[in-house]
Amino acid sequence: VQLVESGGGLVQAGGSLRLSCVASGYTGYIFSLTSMAWYRQASGKPRELVASIDSSRATDYEDSVKGRFAISRDNAKNTVYLQMNSLRPEDTAVYYCNGLTSWAPWGQGTQVTVSS
């Protein structure tokens, strides 16, 4: 399994970005059953869970991103998305996707930088 994240960049506070994560190596059936998540790691801090989505598309969010971020999935494309709105400087981090309860090798992530 290989995870490839994209969509990061430099944005001003209040702006938006949409991250994508393509999971290759899963069959479509297995991917559709896999709970997926987005994580982030800011410089000098541990990686933290940001958002998750299960096979029934139920979602959950870390408190600081509730109401601003939205996770979704397209099982036909083995892809998970993270729509990030009202971005804040404290959202600056490298963002990764992976399983929620079982993990593939981590991808390279995508850098999100929010300027004040």
Protein backbone atom coordinates (compact mmCIF):
# COMPACT_ATOMS: atom_id res chain seq x y z
CA VAL A 1 0.00 0.00 0.00
CA GLN A 2 1.23 3.47 -0.86
CA LEU A 3 -0.24 6.74 0.37
CA VAL A 4 0.34 9.91 -1.62
CA GLU A 5 -0.82 13.23 -0.19
CA SER A 6 -1.14 16.45 -2.18
CA GLY A 7 -2.77 19.82 -2.15
CA GLY A 8 -0.81 21.65 0.50
CA GLY A 9 0.67 25.09 0.11
CA LEU A 10 1.07 28.56 1.54
CA VAL A 11 -2.13 30.39 2.37
CA GLN A 12 -3.07 33.44 4.39
CA ALA A 13 -5.05 33.13 7.57
CA GLY A 14 -8.73 32.72 6.76
CA GLY A 15 -7.99 30.98 3.50
CA SER A 16 -8.84 27.48 2.31
CA LEU A 17 -7.07 24.43 0.98
CA ARG A 18 -8.24 21.00 -0.15
CA LEU A 19 -5.92 18.09 0.51
CA SER A 20 -6.11 14.79 -1.35
CA CYS A 21 -4.72 11.38 -0.49
CA VAL A 22 -4.61 8.53 -2.96
CA ALA A 23 -4.22 5.07 -1.46
CA SER A 24 -2.81 2.69 -4.01
CA GLY A 25 -2.45 -1.00 -3.36
CA TYR A 26 -5.84 -1.40 -1.76
CA THR A 27 -8.55 -3.13 -3.69
CA GLY A 28 -11.56 -0.89 -3.97
CA TYR A 29 -13.54 -3.21 -1.72
CA ILE A 30 -10.94 -3.23 1.03
CA PHE A 31 -10.47 0.53 0.82
CA SER A 32 -14.20 1.09 1.16
CA LEU A 33 -14.17 -0.91 4.41
CA THR A 34 -11.14 0.90 5.84
CA SER A 35 -11.57 3.77 8.26
CA MET A 36 -9.26 6.51 7.07
CA ALA A 37 -7.88 9.57 8.79
CA TRP A 38 -5.88 12.72 8.36
CA TYR A 39 -3.06 13.49 10.76
CA ARG A 40 -0.73 16.45 11.10
CA GLN A 41 2.64 17.10 12.61
CA ALA A 42 3.81 20.58 13.41
CA SER A 43 7.51 21.27 13.77
CA GLY A 44 8.81 19.94 17.08
CA LYS A 45 5.49 18.35 18.03
CA PRO A 46 4.14 14.80 17.87
CA ARG A 47 1.84 13.70 15.10
CA GLU A 48 -1.83 14.21 15.97
CA LEU A 49 -5.11 12.91 14.63
CA VAL A 50 -7.13 15.63 12.88
CA ALA A 51 -10.12 13.92 11.29
CA SER A 52 -11.41 10.46 10.50
CA ILE A 53 -14.04 8.84 8.31
CA ASP A 54 -15.29 5.29 8.56
CA SER A 55 -16.81 2.92 6.05
CA SER A 56 -20.27 4.35 6.61
CA ARG A 57 -18.86 7.87 6.08
CA ALA A 58 -19.34 8.81 9.72
CA THR A 59 -16.80 11.49 10.57
CA ASP A 60 -15.01 12.72 13.66
CA TYR A 61 -12.79 15.73 14.24
CA GLU A 62 -10.24 17.05 16.66
CA ASP A 63 -11.84 19.87 18.64
CA SER A 64 -9.76 22.71 17.19
CA VAL A 65 -10.83 21.94 13.61
CA LYS A 66 -14.52 21.22 14.15
CA GLY A 67 -16.65 23.43 11.95
CA ARG A 68 -13.66 24.39 9.80
CA PHE A 69 -12.41 21.11 8.29
CA ALA A 70 -14.38 18.44 6.44
CA ILE A 71 -13.15 14.95 5.60
CA SER A 72 -14.66 12.97 2.75
CA ARG A 73 -13.86 9.97 0.62
CA ASP A 74 -14.33 8.71 -2.91
CA ASN A 75 -14.10 4.92 -2.77
CA ALA A 76 -14.16 4.63 -6.55
CA LYS A 77 -10.88 6.55 -6.62
CA ASN A 78 -9.35 5.17 -3.41
CA THR A 79 -9.06 8.79 -2.33
CA VAL A 80 -9.64 10.70 0.89
CA TYR A 81 -10.01 14.47 0.99
CA LEU A 82 -9.66 17.13 3.65
CA GLN A 83 -11.35 20.46 2.96
CA MET A 84 -9.80 23.06 5.22
CA ASN A 85 -11.51 26.42 5.63
CA SER A 86 -10.87 29.41 7.89
CA LEU A 87 -7.27 28.33 8.24
CA ARG A 88 -5.25 29.62 11.18
CA PRO A 89 -1.49 29.93 11.68
CA GLU A 90 -1.69 27.12 14.24
CA ASP A 91 -2.87 24.79 11.46
CA THR A 92 0.62 24.98 9.96
CA ALA A 93 1.99 21.45 9.78
CA VAL A 94 2.77 18.54 7.51
CA TYR A 95 -0.47 16.68 6.86
CA TYR A 96 -0.60 12.92 6.37
CA CYS A 97 -3.33 10.43 5.68
CA ASN A 98 -3.42 6.84 6.87
CA GLY A 99 -5.75 4.30 8.34
CA LEU A 100 -7.47 5.06 11.63
CA THR A 101 -6.89 1.70 13.30
CA SER A 102 -4.49 -0.05 10.96
CA TRP A 103 -1.65 1.70 9.27
CA ALA A 104 0.18 1.50 5.98
CA PRO A 105 3.68 2.92 5.63
CA TRP A 106 3.46 6.68 6.04
CA GLY A 107 3.65 8.83 2.93
CA GLN A 108 5.70 11.98 2.59
CA GLY A 109 2.81 14.19 3.61
CA THR A 110 1.94 17.60 2.26
CA GLN A 111 3.07 20.85 3.86
CA VAL A 112 0.44 23.38 4.87
CA THR A 113 1.69 26.80 5.90
CA VAL A 114 -0.73 29.46 7.11
CA SER A 115 0.62 32.99 7.38
CA SER A 116 -0.86 35.54 9.74
